Amino acid sequence: MPAEWEEHESTWLVWPTNKTTWPGKLLKEVEEIYFQMMRSLLAGEKVNLLVPNEKVGRFVARRLESKKASVKNLFLHSTKTVDTWIRDYGPIFVKRTGAGDNKAFTKWVFNAWGGKYADLAKDHGVVNRIGALKLFKRFDIGMVLEGGSIDVNGRGVCLTTQQCLLNKNRNPKLSRAEIEQNIGRHLGAKKVIWLKEGIEGDDTDGHVDDVTRFVAPNTILTATESDETDKNYAILKENLIILKSQKNLSGKHFKIIELPMPGKVGLRRGESDSERLPASYANFYIANSCVLVPVYSHRNDKRALGILRDVFPGRKIVAIECTALMNGLGSIHCVTQQEPR
């Protein structure tokens, strides 16, 4: 599995339609977030967008044209879906080293994050309904794994959490060693770094893409919390300690960069004491020409964006207010999936 910063052929997205996930005015706000994402993505790569029907596809294309987006790079696929989380149920693309036609995809089992949502589990079959994917060789893996539960450096190292992949609601009959073997065999990872837990409010059981991300082969960006009274403080501190002890395949320690957290983001903009959302700046998406970064109208937004500008000097940093999107308990990285060139 190539690293996310390696050149993309396209980004795959699913148009948001689920009114249970985003009730009332939230759905319109989320649509606008998608337009912001696509406008930036289309400037540097193709976008493959799943839509429920051709009418919706025409609506999206017209709106993008009105926003001066490069719609020649937009490819629409009328495909039935329940929700937008293609990172977790969609194809995970892999490449064979060497020349020639070397791109394929892996399809893992999606059980809606440990069987939490019976209706969303139906999206396990979305990949079967995308005609464009039939052009690729496909490998079906009989193991539960969501794309948001892993992050790779493209050089043989994979990040994940014990809370998620060792959870009995995923693969109760598989040992840690067997899970590592499957990741190694099908994604090319020779080493798996196991962090402990994910952040508060995360219904995925600790997806790593809310916590810790590779940003270069030997550089890791990891979320930390400065407020010792925050429930994320101890969790993220423990993960940081683990990361500082880890080495790459050459036996050298990784460079670790800390990324702040946006505090307590509730069901409305900014900070709130209401139900906590799993908001994190680590849920960014690295595209060819830009990095899409979720922000939350919080004082730490500016600091997080500055860190990411330093990490990705050759890419435009695009800040997108994502509190509305987060009401679905996921953010930008959760709704995107890269297809390597």
C-alpha atoms as a PDB file:
ATOM      1  CA  MET A   1       0.000   0.000   0.000  1.00  0.00           C
ATOM      2  CA  PRO A   2       1.586   3.301  -1.086  1.00  0.00           C
ATOM      3  CA  ALA A   3       1.815   6.183   1.355  1.00  0.00           C
ATOM      4  CA  GLU A   4      -0.919   8.783   1.027  1.00  0.00           C
ATOM      5  CA  TRP A   5       1.493  11.507  -0.083  1.00  0.00           C
ATOM      6  CA  GLU A   6       2.603   9.461  -3.104  1.00  0.00           C
ATOM      7  CA  GLU A   7       1.086  10.581  -6.395  1.00  0.00           C
ATOM      8  CA  HIS A   8      -2.630   9.885  -6.813  1.00  0.00           C
ATOM      9  CA  GLU A   9      -4.588   8.961  -9.892  1.00  0.00           C
ATOM     10  CA  SER A  10      -7.747  10.039  -8.098  1.00  0.00           C
ATOM     11  CA  THR A  11      -9.647  10.484  -4.866  1.00  0.00           C
ATOM     12  CA  TRP A  12     -12.818   8.461  -4.266  1.00  0.00           C
ATOM     13  CA  LEU A  13     -15.759  10.097  -2.472  1.00  0.00           C
ATOM     14  CA  VAL A  14     -19.429   9.323  -1.767  1.00  0.00           C
ATOM     15  CA  TRP A  15     -21.960  12.153  -1.988  1.00  0.00           C
ATOM     16  CA  PRO A  16     -23.665  12.678   1.421  1.00  0.00           C
ATOM     17  CA  THR A  17     -27.384  11.836   1.513  1.00  0.00           C
ATOM     18  CA  ASN A  18     -28.027  10.223   4.914  1.00  0.00           C
ATOM     19  CA  LYS A  19     -30.465  12.419   6.870  1.00  0.00           C
ATOM     20  CA  THR A  20     -30.044  10.325  10.002  1.00  0.00           C
ATOM     21  CA  THR A  21     -26.313  11.002  10.044  1.00  0.00           C
ATOM     22  CA  TRP A  22     -26.839  14.726   9.325  1.00  0.00           C
ATOM     23  CA  PRO A  23     -30.393  15.757  10.280  1.00  0.00           C
ATOM     24  CA  GLY A  24     -32.045  19.036   9.372  1.00  0.00           C
ATOM     25  CA  LYS A  25     -29.800  21.824   8.118  1.00  0.00           C
ATOM     26  CA  LEU A  26     -26.643  19.802   8.822  1.00  0.00           C
ATOM     27  CA  LEU A  27     -26.901  17.900   5.536  1.00  0.00           C
ATOM     28  CA  LYS A  28     -26.743  21.135   3.517  1.00  0.00           C
ATOM     29  CA  GLU A  29     -23.728  22.240   5.545  1.00  0.00           C
ATOM     30  CA  VAL A  30     -22.030  18.925   4.820  1.00  0.00           C
ATOM     31  CA  GLU A  31     -22.797  19.300   1.100  1.00  0.00           C
ATOM     32  CA  GLU A  32     -20.976  22.640   1.144  1.00  0.00           C
ATOM     33  CA  ILE A  33     -18.001  20.964   2.843  1.00  0.00           C
ATOM     34  CA  TYR A  34     -17.931  18.448  -0.007  1.00  0.00           C
ATOM     35  CA  PHE A  35     -17.954  21.229  -2.587  1.00  0.00           C
ATOM     36  CA  GLN A  36     -14.983  22.824  -0.825  1.00  0.00           C
ATOM     37  CA  MET A  37     -13.123  19.508  -0.778  1.00  0.00           C
ATOM     38  CA  MET A  38     -13.821  18.699  -4.418  1.00  0.00           C
ATOM     39  CA  ARG A  39     -12.942  22.142  -5.712  1.00  0.00           C
ATOM     40  CA  SER A  40      -9.473  21.804  -4.166  1.00  0.00           C
ATOM     41  CA  LEU A  41      -9.019  18.146  -5.148  1.00  0.00           C
ATOM     42  CA  LEU A  42     -10.054  18.624  -8.789  1.00  0.00           C
ATOM     43  CA  ALA A  43      -7.238  21.128  -9.307  1.00  0.00           C
ATOM     44  CA  GLY A  44      -4.667  18.366  -8.847  1.00  0.00           C
ATOM     45  CA  GLU A  45      -6.276  14.995  -9.564  1.00  0.00           C
ATOM     46  CA  LYS A  46      -9.374  13.138 -10.693  1.00  0.00           C
ATOM     47  CA  VAL A  47     -12.308  12.719  -8.345  1.00  0.00           C
ATOM     48  CA  ASN A  48     -14.431   9.569  -8.564  1.00  0.00           C
ATOM     49  CA  LEU A  49     -17.724  10.449  -6.889  1.00  0.00           C
ATOM     50  CA  LEU A  50     -20.437   7.941  -6.046  1.00  0.00           C
ATOM     51  CA  VAL A  51     -23.912   9.482  -6.373  1.00  0.00           C
ATOM     52  CA  PRO A  52     -27.340   7.893  -5.806  1.00  0.00           C
ATOM     53  CA  ASN A  53     -28.551   8.751  -9.321  1.00  0.00           C
ATOM     54  CA  GLU A  54     -27.795  10.808 -12.435  1.00  0.00           C
ATOM     55  CA  LYS A  55     -29.964  13.720 -11.255  1.00  0.00           C
ATOM     56  CA  VAL A  56     -27.808  14.224  -8.182  1.00  0.00           C
ATOM     57  CA  GLY A  57     -24.704  13.867 -10.342  1.00  0.00           C
ATOM     58  CA  ARG A  58     -25.874  16.674 -12.637  1.00  0.00           C
ATOM     59  CA  PHE A  59     -26.633  18.882  -9.625  1.00  0.00           C
ATOM     60  CA  VAL A  60     -23.136  18.355  -8.212  1.00  0.00           C
ATOM     61  CA  ALA A  61     -21.438  18.973 -11.554  1.00  0.00           C
ATOM     62  CA  ARG A  62     -23.388  22.212 -12.149  1.00  0.00           C
ATOM     63  CA  ARG A  63     -22.570  23.523  -8.689  1.00  0.00           C
ATOM     64  CA  LEU A  64     -18.894  22.745  -9.143  1.00  0.00           C
ATOM     65  CA  GLU A  65     -18.877  24.497 -12.516  1.00  0.00           C
ATOM     66  CA  SER A  66     -20.438  27.559 -10.884  1.00  0.00           C
ATOM     67  CA  LYS A  67     -17.577  27.497  -8.371  1.00  0.00           C
ATOM     68  CA  LYS A  68     -15.011  27.439 -11.239  1.00  0.00           C
ATOM     69  CA  ALA A  69     -13.901  23.890 -10.419  1.00  0.00           C
ATOM     70  CA  SER A  70     -12.139  21.701 -12.992  1.00  0.00           C
ATOM     71  CA  VAL A  71     -15.056  19.351 -13.735  1.00  0.00           C
ATOM     72  CA  LYS A  72     -13.138  17.612 -16.529  1.00  0.00           C
ATOM     73  CA  ASN A  73     -11.500  15.666 -13.719  1.00  0.00           C
ATOM     74  CA  LEU A  74     -14.868  14.661 -12.178  1.00  0.00           C
ATOM     75  CA  PHE A  75     -16.127  11.119 -12.806  1.00  0.00           C
ATOM     76  CA  LEU A  76     -19.596  10.205 -11.548  1.00  0.00           C
ATOM     77  CA  HIS A  77     -20.767   6.703 -10.651  1.00  0.00           C
ATOM     78  CA  SER A  78     -24.451   6.045  -9.920  1.00  0.00           C
ATOM     79  CA  THR A  79     -24.109   3.625  -7.019  1.00  0.00           C
ATOM     80  CA  LYS A  80     -26.383   2.796  -4.107  1.00  0.00           C
ATOM     81  CA  THR A  81     -24.807   3.551  -0.696  1.00  0.00           C
ATOM     82  CA  VAL A  82     -26.110   4.022   2.832  1.00  0.00           C
ATOM     83  CA  ASP A  83     -23.486   6.509   3.994  1.00  0.00           C
ATOM     84  CA  THR A  84     -20.274   8.261   3.002  1.00  0.00           C
ATOM     85  CA  TRP A  85     -17.495   6.449   4.888  1.00  0.00           C
ATOM     86  CA  ILE A  86     -15.663   5.067   1.862  1.00  0.00           C
ATOM     87  CA  ARG A  87     -12.342   5.084   3.728  1.00  0.00           C
ATOM     88  CA  ASP A  88     -13.677   2.216   5.821  1.00  0.00           C
ATOM     89  CA  TYR A  89     -15.755   0.143   3.404  1.00  0.00           C
ATOM     90  CA  GLY A  90     -14.238   1.002   0.033  1.00  0.00           C
ATOM     91  CA  PRO A  91     -11.267  -0.342  -1.908  1.00  0.00           C
ATOM     92  CA  ILE A  92      -7.790  -0.095  -0.408  1.00  0.00           C
ATOM     93  CA  PHE A  93      -5.461   0.190  -3.382  1.00  0.00           C
ATOM     94  CA  VAL A  94      -2.095  -1.529  -3.587  1.00  0.00           C
ATOM     95  CA  LYS A  95       0.747  -1.547  -6.115  1.00  0.00           C
ATOM     96  CA  ARG A  96       3.287  -4.115  -7.177  1.00  0.00           C
ATOM     97  CA  THR A  97       6.829  -2.794  -7.434  1.00  0.00           C
ATOM     98  CA  GLY A  98       8.201  -2.840 -10.980  1.00  0.00           C
ATOM     99  CA  ALA A  99       6.983  -1.846 -14.436  1.00  0.00           C
ATOM    100  CA  GLY A 100       3.709  -2.615 -16.175  1.00  0.00           C
ATOM    101  CA  ASP A 101       0.085  -2.809 -15.093  1.00  0.00           C
ATOM    102  CA  ASN A 102       0.697  -3.139 -11.373  1.00  0.00           C
ATOM    103  CA  LYS A 103      -2.294  -1.602  -9.567  1.00  0.00           C
ATOM    104  CA  ALA A 104      -4.929  -3.651  -7.736  1.00  0.00           C
ATOM    105  CA  PHE A 105      -7.163  -3.259  -4.712  1.00  0.00           C
ATOM    106  CA  THR A 106      -7.884  -5.166  -1.547  1.00  0.00           C
ATOM    107  CA  LYS A 107     -11.400  -5.583  -0.152  1.00  0.00           C
ATOM    108  CA  TRP A 108     -11.631  -6.246   3.560  1.00  0.00           C
ATOM    109  CA  VAL A 109     -14.692  -7.154   5.585  1.00  0.00           C
ATOM    110  CA  PHE A 110     -16.702  -4.159   6.843  1.00  0.00           C
ATOM    111  CA  ASN A 111     -18.984  -4.894   9.810  1.00  0.00           C
ATOM    112  CA  ALA A 112     -19.886  -1.273  10.659  1.00  0.00           C
ATOM    113  CA  TRP A 113     -17.268  -0.781  13.367  1.00  0.00           C
ATOM    114  CA  GLY A 114     -17.848  -3.909  15.361  1.00  0.00           C
ATOM    115  CA  GLY A 115     -21.523  -4.368  14.531  1.00  0.00           C
ATOM    116  CA  LYS A 116     -22.673  -1.019  15.941  1.00  0.00           C
ATOM    117  CA  TYR A 117     -24.897  -0.015  13.010  1.00  0.00           C
ATOM    118  CA  ALA A 118     -26.828  -2.727  11.163  1.00  0.00           C
ATOM    119  CA  ASP A 119     -28.019  -0.341   8.433  1.00  0.00           C
ATOM    120  CA  LEU A 120     -24.512   0.951   7.681  1.00  0.00           C
ATOM    121  CA  ALA A 121     -23.103  -2.588   7.512  1.00  0.00           C
ATOM    122  CA  LYS A 122     -24.887  -2.863   4.147  1.00  0.00           C
ATOM    123  CA  ASP A 123     -22.129  -0.674   2.683  1.00  0.00           C
ATOM    124  CA  HIS A 124     -19.829  -3.708   2.801  1.00  0.00           C
ATOM    125  CA  GLY A 125     -21.250  -4.491  -0.658  1.00  0.00           C
ATOM    126  CA  VAL A 126     -20.708  -1.063  -2.260  1.00  0.00           C
ATOM    127  CA  VAL A 127     -17.458  -2.109  -3.935  1.00  0.00           C
ATOM    128  CA  ASN A 128     -19.321  -4.863  -5.810  1.00  0.00           C
ATOM    129  CA  ARG A 129     -21.572  -2.238  -7.427  1.00  0.00           C
ATOM    130  CA  ILE A 130     -18.848   0.063  -8.796  1.00  0.00           C
ATOM    131  CA  GLY A 131     -18.323  -0.927 -12.418  1.00  0.00           C
ATOM    132  CA  ALA A 132     -15.116   1.093 -12.795  1.00  0.00           C
ATOM    133  CA  LEU A 133     -13.392  -1.082 -10.191  1.00  0.00           C
ATOM    134  CA  LYS A 134     -13.849  -4.188 -12.317  1.00  0.00           C
ATOM    135  CA  LEU A 135     -10.863  -2.975 -14.378  1.00  0.00           C
ATOM    136  CA  PHE A 136      -8.561  -3.813 -11.464  1.00  0.00           C
ATOM    137  CA  LYS A 137      -7.383  -7.085 -10.040  1.00  0.00           C
ATOM    138  CA  ARG A 138      -9.158  -7.603  -6.717  1.00  0.00           C
ATOM    139  CA  PHE A 139      -8.066  -9.389  -3.573  1.00  0.00           C
ATOM    140  CA  ASP A 140     -10.802 -10.264  -1.057  1.00  0.00           C
ATOM    141  CA  ILE A 141      -9.447 -10.535   2.478  1.00  0.00           C
ATOM    142  CA  GLY A 142     -11.524 -12.471   4.987  1.00  0.00           C
ATOM    143  CA  MET A 143     -10.650 -10.195   7.865  1.00  0.00           C
ATOM    144  CA  VAL A 144     -12.473  -7.192   9.329  1.00  0.00           C
ATOM    145  CA  LEU A 145     -10.455  -4.022   8.770  1.00  0.00           C
ATOM    146  CA  GLU A 146     -11.417  -0.414   8.083  1.00  0.00           C
ATOM    147  CA  GLY A 147      -9.177   1.930   6.146  1.00  0.00           C
ATOM    148  CA  GLY A 148      -9.240   4.460   8.971  1.00  0.00           C
ATOM    149  CA  SER A 149      -7.775   1.902  11.370  1.00  0.00           C
ATOM    150  CA  ILE A 150      -4.393   1.881   9.610  1.00  0.00           C
ATOM    151  CA  ASP A 151      -1.845   4.346   8.283  1.00  0.00           C
ATOM    152  CA  VAL A 152       1.259   3.383   6.294  1.00  0.00           C
ATOM    153  CA  ASN A 153       4.534   5.017   5.285  1.00  0.00           C
ATOM    154  CA  GLY A 154       4.841   3.110   1.998  1.00  0.00           C
ATOM    155  CA  ARG A 155       8.149   1.726   3.265  1.00  0.00           C
ATOM    156  CA  GLY A 156       6.929  -1.311   5.167  1.00  0.00           C
ATOM    157  CA  VAL A 157       5.602   0.212   8.411  1.00  0.00           C
ATOM    158  CA  CYS A 158       1.945   0.373   9.473  1.00  0.00           C
ATOM    159  CA  LEU A 159       0.348   2.274  12.366  1.00  0.00           C
ATOM    160  CA  THR A 160      -2.765   1.012  14.159  1.00  0.00           C
ATOM    161  CA  THR A 161      -4.301   0.748  17.644  1.00  0.00           C
ATOM    162  CA  GLN A 162      -4.896  -2.168  19.948  1.00  0.00           C
ATOM    163  CA  GLN A 163      -8.298  -0.753  20.853  1.00  0.00           C
ATOM    164  CA  CYS A 164      -9.493  -1.251  17.282  1.00  0.00           C
ATOM    165  CA  LEU A 165      -7.777  -4.168  15.565  1.00  0.00           C
ATOM    166  CA  LEU A 166      -7.485  -6.320  18.692  1.00  0.00           C
ATOM    167  CA  ASN A 167     -11.098  -5.637  19.643  1.00  0.00           C
ATOM    168  CA  LYS A 168     -13.174  -8.815  19.928  1.00  0.00           C
ATOM    169  CA  ASN A 169     -15.930  -7.164  17.895  1.00  0.00           C
ATOM    170  CA  ARG A 170     -13.664  -7.294  14.836  1.00  0.00           C
ATOM    171  CA  ASN A 171     -11.773 -10.582  14.507  1.00  0.00           C
ATOM    172  CA  PRO A 172     -12.300 -12.641  17.678  1.00  0.00           C
ATOM    173  CA  LYS A 173     -10.741 -15.767  16.175  1.00  0.00           C
ATOM    174  CA  LEU A 174      -7.535 -14.071  15.016  1.00  0.00           C
ATOM    175  CA  SER A 175      -4.490 -13.542  17.209  1.00  0.00           C
ATOM    176  CA  ARG A 176      -2.377 -10.393  17.118  1.00  0.00           C
ATOM    177  CA  ALA A 177       0.255 -12.296  15.143  1.00  0.00           C
ATOM    178  CA  GLU A 178      -2.319 -13.457  12.584  1.00  0.00           C
ATOM    179  CA  ILE A 179      -3.637  -9.919  12.152  1.00  0.00           C
ATOM    180  CA  GLU A 180      -0.087  -8.698  11.574  1.00  0.00           C
ATOM    181  CA  GLN A 181       0.458 -11.470   9.022  1.00  0.00           C
ATOM    182  CA  ASN A 182      -2.631 -10.414   7.060  1.00  0.00           C
ATOM    183  CA  ILE A 183      -1.566  -6.762   7.068  1.00  0.00           C
ATOM    184  CA  GLY A 184       1.898  -7.807   5.955  1.00  0.00           C
ATOM    185  CA  ARG A 185       0.750 -10.177   3.235  1.00  0.00           C
ATOM    186  CA  HIS A 186      -1.873  -7.915   1.686  1.00  0.00           C
ATOM    187  CA  LEU A 187      -0.592  -4.375   2.353  1.00  0.00           C
ATOM    188  CA  GLY A 188       3.155  -4.969   2.347  1.00  0.00           C
ATOM    189  CA  ALA A 189       3.815  -4.035   5.968  1.00  0.00           C
ATOM    190  CA  LYS A 190       6.864  -5.660   7.520  1.00  0.00           C
ATOM    191  CA  LYS A 191       6.308  -3.944  10.847  1.00  0.00           C
ATOM    192  CA  VAL A 192       3.142  -2.920  12.719  1.00  0.00           C
ATOM    193  CA  ILE A 193       3.336  -0.225  15.394  1.00  0.00           C
ATOM    194  CA  TRP A 194       0.587  -0.808  17.939  1.00  0.00           C
ATOM    195  CA  LEU A 195      -0.638   2.292  19.753  1.00  0.00           C
ATOM    196  CA  LYS A 196      -3.014   1.812  22.679  1.00  0.00           C
ATOM    197  CA  GLU A 197      -6.234   3.798  22.229  1.00  0.00           C
ATOM    198  CA  GLY A 198      -7.963   6.396  20.119  1.00  0.00           C
ATOM    199  CA  ILE A 199      -9.652   9.594  21.236  1.00  0.00           C
ATOM    200  CA  GLU A 200     -12.727  10.225  23.348  1.00  0.00           C
ATOM    201  CA  GLY A 201     -16.056  10.030  21.498  1.00  0.00           C
ATOM    202  CA  ASP A 202     -14.757   7.841  18.673  1.00  0.00           C
ATOM    203  CA  ASP A 203     -17.368   5.186  17.842  1.00  0.00           C
ATOM    204  CA  THR A 204     -14.884   3.322  15.626  1.00  0.00           C
ATOM    205  CA  ASP A 205     -13.010   1.959  18.675  1.00  0.00           C
ATOM    206  CA  GLY A 206      -9.898   4.040  18.199  1.00  0.00           C
ATOM    207  CA  HIS A 207      -9.154   4.636  14.526  1.00  0.00           C
ATOM    208  CA  VAL A 208      -5.550   5.694  14.139  1.00  0.00           C
ATOM    209  CA  ASP A 209      -6.339   8.375  11.541  1.00  0.00           C
ATOM    210  CA  ASP A 210      -7.787  10.506  14.343  1.00  0.00           C
ATOM    211  CA  VAL A 211      -4.605  10.158  16.360  1.00  0.00           C
ATOM    212  CA  THR A 212      -1.347   9.519  14.537  1.00  0.00           C
ATOM    213  CA  ARG A 213      -0.281   9.829  10.886  1.00  0.00           C
ATOM    214  CA  PHE A 214       2.793   9.294   8.782  1.00  0.00           C
ATOM    215  CA  VAL A 215       3.689  12.480   6.900  1.00  0.00           C
ATOM    216  CA  ALA A 216       6.989  11.222   5.422  1.00  0.00           C
ATOM    217  CA  PRO A 217       8.719   7.818   5.405  1.00  0.00           C
ATOM    218  CA  ASN A 218      10.413   8.485   8.736  1.00  0.00           C
ATOM    219  CA  THR A 219       8.275  11.297  10.162  1.00  0.00           C
ATOM    220  CA  ILE A 220       5.169  10.805  12.289  1.00  0.00           C
ATOM    221  CA  LEU A 221       2.666  13.478  13.283  1.00  0.00           C
ATOM    222  CA  THR A 222       0.796  12.606  16.471  1.00  0.00           C
ATOM    223  CA  ALA A 223      -1.969  14.366  18.374  1.00  0.00           C
ATOM    224  CA  THR A 224      -1.287  15.467  21.950  1.00  0.00           C
ATOM    225  CA  GLU A 225      -3.441  17.224  24.543  1.00  0.00           C
ATOM    226  CA  SER A 226      -1.984  19.933  26.810  1.00  0.00           C
ATOM    227  CA  ASP A 227      -4.929  20.075  29.225  1.00  0.00           C
ATOM    228  CA  GLU A 228      -4.251  17.511  31.942  1.00  0.00           C
ATOM    229  CA  THR A 229      -7.932  17.470  32.913  1.00  0.00           C
ATOM    230  CA  ASP A 230      -9.003  16.420  29.419  1.00  0.00           C
ATOM    231  CA  LYS A 231      -9.850  12.732  28.979  1.00  0.00           C
ATOM    232  CA  ASN A 232      -7.568  12.595  25.929  1.00  0.00           C
ATOM    233  CA  TYR A 233      -4.499  13.765  27.866  1.00  0.00           C
ATOM    234  CA  ALA A 234      -3.363  10.399  29.262  1.00  0.00           C
ATOM    235  CA  ILE A 235      -4.398   8.446  26.148  1.00  0.00           C
ATOM    236  CA  LEU A 236      -2.375  10.613  23.792  1.00  0.00           C
ATOM    237  CA  LYS A 237       0.586  10.879  26.167  1.00  0.00           C
ATOM    238  CA  GLU A 238       0.845   7.085  26.294  1.00  0.00           C
ATOM    239  CA  ASN A 239       0.748   6.875  22.490  1.00  0.00           C
ATOM    240  CA  LEU A 240       3.501   9.501  22.272  1.00  0.00           C
ATOM    241  CA  ILE A 241       5.720   7.458  24.611  1.00  0.00           C
ATOM    242  CA  ILE A 242       5.186   4.364  22.448  1.00  0.00           C
ATOM    243  CA  LEU A 243       6.073   6.250  19.272  1.00  0.00           C
ATOM    244  CA  LYS A 244       9.297   7.640  20.735  1.00  0.00           C
ATOM    245  CA  SER A 245      10.453   4.083  21.418  1.00  0.00           C
ATOM    246  CA  GLN A 246       9.796   2.841  17.875  1.00  0.00           C
ATOM    247  CA  LYS A 247      12.311   2.444  15.044  1.00  0.00           C
ATOM    248  CA  ASN A 248      11.989   2.107  11.294  1.00  0.00           C
ATOM    249  CA  LEU A 249      13.121  -0.920   9.293  1.00  0.00           C
ATOM    250  CA  SER A 250      16.678   0.480   9.227  1.00  0.00           C
ATOM    251  CA  GLY A 251      16.800   0.610  13.020  1.00  0.00           C
ATOM    252  CA  LYS A 252      16.534   4.404  13.324  1.00  0.00           C
ATOM    253  CA  HIS A 253      14.049   6.287  15.491  1.00  0.00           C
ATOM    254  CA  PHE A 254      11.269   8.171  13.750  1.00  0.00           C
ATOM    255  CA  LYS A 255      11.032  11.944  13.856  1.00  0.00           C
ATOM    256  CA  ILE A 256       7.969  12.713  15.981  1.00  0.00           C
ATOM    257  CA  ILE A 257       6.021  15.979  15.573  1.00  0.00           C
ATOM    258  CA  GLU A 258       3.238  16.846  18.015  1.00  0.00           C
ATOM    259  CA  LEU A 259      -0.082  18.200  16.754  1.00  0.00           C
ATOM    260  CA  PRO A 260      -2.483  19.952  19.156  1.00  0.00           C
ATOM    261  CA  MET A 261      -6.066  18.903  19.739  1.00  0.00           C
ATOM    262  CA  PRO A 262      -9.095  21.186  19.230  1.00  0.00           C
ATOM    263  CA  GLY A 263     -10.385  20.742  22.759  1.00  0.00           C
ATOM    264  CA  LYS A 264     -13.963  19.673  23.412  1.00  0.00           C
ATOM    265  CA  VAL A 265     -15.994  20.016  20.244  1.00  0.00           C
ATOM    266  CA  GLY A 266     -19.675  19.396  20.828  1.00  0.00           C
ATOM    267  CA  LEU A 267     -22.772  19.198  18.659  1.00  0.00           C
ATOM    268  CA  ARG A 268     -22.491  22.846  17.625  1.00  0.00           C
ATOM    269  CA  ARG A 269     -19.694  25.076  16.461  1.00  0.00           C
ATOM    270  CA  GLY A 270     -16.763  25.714  18.761  1.00  0.00           C
ATOM    271  CA  GLU A 271     -16.352  24.368  22.261  1.00  0.00           C
ATOM    272  CA  SER A 272     -19.283  22.872  24.088  1.00  0.00           C
ATOM    273  CA  ASP A 273     -20.137  20.805  27.127  1.00  0.00           C
ATOM    274  CA  SER A 274     -22.662  18.776  25.109  1.00  0.00           C
ATOM    275  CA  GLU A 275     -21.970  15.335  23.665  1.00  0.00           C
ATOM    276  CA  ARG A 276     -18.311  15.191  22.658  1.00  0.00           C
ATOM    277  CA  LEU A 277     -17.386  14.614  19.034  1.00  0.00           C
ATOM    278  CA  PRO A 278     -14.127  12.829  18.084  1.00  0.00           C
ATOM    279  CA  ALA A 279     -12.690  15.986  16.556  1.00  0.00           C
ATOM    280  CA  SER A 280      -9.002  15.985  15.617  1.00  0.00           C
ATOM    281  CA  TYR A 281      -6.723  17.862  13.243  1.00  0.00           C
ATOM    282  CA  ALA A 282      -5.003  14.530  12.484  1.00  0.00           C
ATOM    283  CA  ASN A 283      -7.935  13.561  10.251  1.00  0.00           C
ATOM    284  CA  PHE A 284      -6.446  15.525   7.334  1.00  0.00           C
ATOM    285  CA  TYR A 285      -6.186  14.178   3.768  1.00  0.00           C
ATOM    286  CA  ILE A 286      -3.028  14.453   1.649  1.00  0.00           C
ATOM    287  CA  ALA A 287      -3.862  15.051  -2.037  1.00  0.00           C
ATOM    288  CA  ASN A 288      -1.579  15.737  -5.018  1.00  0.00           C
ATOM    289  CA  SER A 289      -1.658  19.519  -4.827  1.00  0.00           C
ATOM    290  CA  CYS A 290      -3.128  20.196  -1.403  1.00  0.00           C
ATOM    291  CA  VAL A 291      -3.788  18.939   2.109  1.00  0.00           C
ATOM    292  CA  LEU A 292      -7.399  19.171   3.261  1.00  0.00           C
ATOM    293  CA  VAL A 293      -7.448  19.973   6.976  1.00  0.00           C
ATOM    294  CA  PRO A 294     -10.502  19.883   9.254  1.00  0.00           C
ATOM    295  CA  VAL A 295     -10.805  22.867  11.598  1.00  0.00           C
ATOM    296  CA  TYR A 296     -13.382  23.528  14.299  1.00  0.00           C
ATOM    297  CA  SER A 297     -13.516  27.284  15.013  1.00  0.00           C
ATOM    298  CA  HIS A 298     -11.124  26.683  17.901  1.00  0.00           C
ATOM    299  CA  ARG A 299      -8.138  28.718  19.052  1.00  0.00           C
ATOM    300  CA  ASN A 300      -5.818  25.814  18.137  1.00  0.00           C
ATOM    301  CA  ASP A 301      -6.897  25.857  14.455  1.00  0.00           C
ATOM    302  CA  LYS A 302      -4.201  28.377  13.526  1.00  0.00           C
ATOM    303  CA  ARG A 303      -1.454  26.481  15.344  1.00  0.00           C
ATOM    304  CA  ALA A 304      -2.381  23.163  13.732  1.00  0.00           C
ATOM    305  CA  LEU A 305      -2.454  24.725  10.260  1.00  0.00           C
ATOM    306  CA  GLY A 306       0.986  26.244  10.832  1.00  0.00           C
ATOM    307  CA  ILE A 307       2.440  22.860  11.761  1.00  0.00           C
ATOM    308  CA  LEU A 308       0.956  21.265   8.648  1.00  0.00           C
ATOM    309  CA  ARG A 309       2.311  24.061   6.422  1.00  0.00           C
ATOM    310  CA  ASP A 310       5.784  23.308   7.750  1.00  0.00           C
ATOM    311  CA  VAL A 311       5.312  19.569   7.181  1.00  0.00           C
ATOM    312  CA  PHE A 312       3.936  19.932   3.626  1.00  0.00           C
ATOM    313  CA  PRO A 313       5.741  22.954   2.111  1.00  0.00           C
ATOM    314  CA  GLY A 314       4.963  21.908  -1.489  1.00  0.00           C
ATOM    315  CA  ARG A 315       1.216  21.577  -1.010  1.00  0.00           C
ATOM    316  CA  LYS A 316      -1.519  24.136  -0.415  1.00  0.00           C
ATOM    317  CA  ILE A 317      -3.017  23.786   3.071  1.00  0.00           C
ATOM    318  CA  VAL A 318      -6.804  24.059   2.752  1.00  0.00           C
ATOM    319  CA  ALA A 319      -8.660  24.642   6.022  1.00  0.00           C
ATOM    320  CA  ILE A 320     -12.283  23.471   6.039  1.00  0.00           C
ATOM    321  CA  GLU A 321     -14.658  24.100   8.949  1.00  0.00           C
ATOM    322  CA  CYS A 322     -15.837  20.555   9.707  1.00  0.00           C
ATOM    323  CA  THR A 323     -17.958  20.700  12.856  1.00  0.00           C
ATOM    324  CA  ALA A 324     -21.064  19.874  10.789  1.00  0.00           C
ATOM    325  CA  LEU A 325     -19.328  16.910   9.146  1.00  0.00           C
ATOM    326  CA  MET A 326     -18.129  15.744  12.572  1.00  0.00           C
ATOM    327  CA  ASN A 327     -21.744  15.327  13.668  1.00  0.00           C
ATOM    328  CA  GLY A 328     -21.538  12.077  11.692  1.00  0.00           C
ATOM    329  CA  LEU A 329     -18.593  11.126  13.974  1.00  0.00           C
ATOM    330  CA  GLY A 330     -16.045  11.343  11.165  1.00  0.00           C
ATOM    331  CA  SER A 331     -14.153  13.997   9.262  1.00  0.00           C
ATOM    332  CA  ILE A 332     -12.231  14.580   6.008  1.00  0.00           C
ATOM    333  CA  HIS A 333      -9.948  11.546   6.047  1.00  0.00           C
ATOM    334  CA  CYS A 334     -12.892   9.275   6.904  1.00  0.00           C
ATOM    335  CA  VAL A 335     -14.825  10.247   3.750  1.00  0.00           C
ATOM    336  CA  THR A 336     -11.906  10.049   1.276  1.00  0.00           C
ATOM    337  CA  GLN A 337      -9.944   7.200  -0.269  1.00  0.00           C
ATOM    338  CA  GLN A 338      -6.884   7.616  -2.451  1.00  0.00           C
ATOM    339  CA  GLU A 339      -6.178   5.703  -5.639  1.00  0.00           C
ATOM    340  CA  PRO A 340      -2.451   5.766  -6.441  1.00  0.00           C
ATOM    341  CA  ARG A 341      -1.164   6.535  -9.926  1.00  0.00           C
END
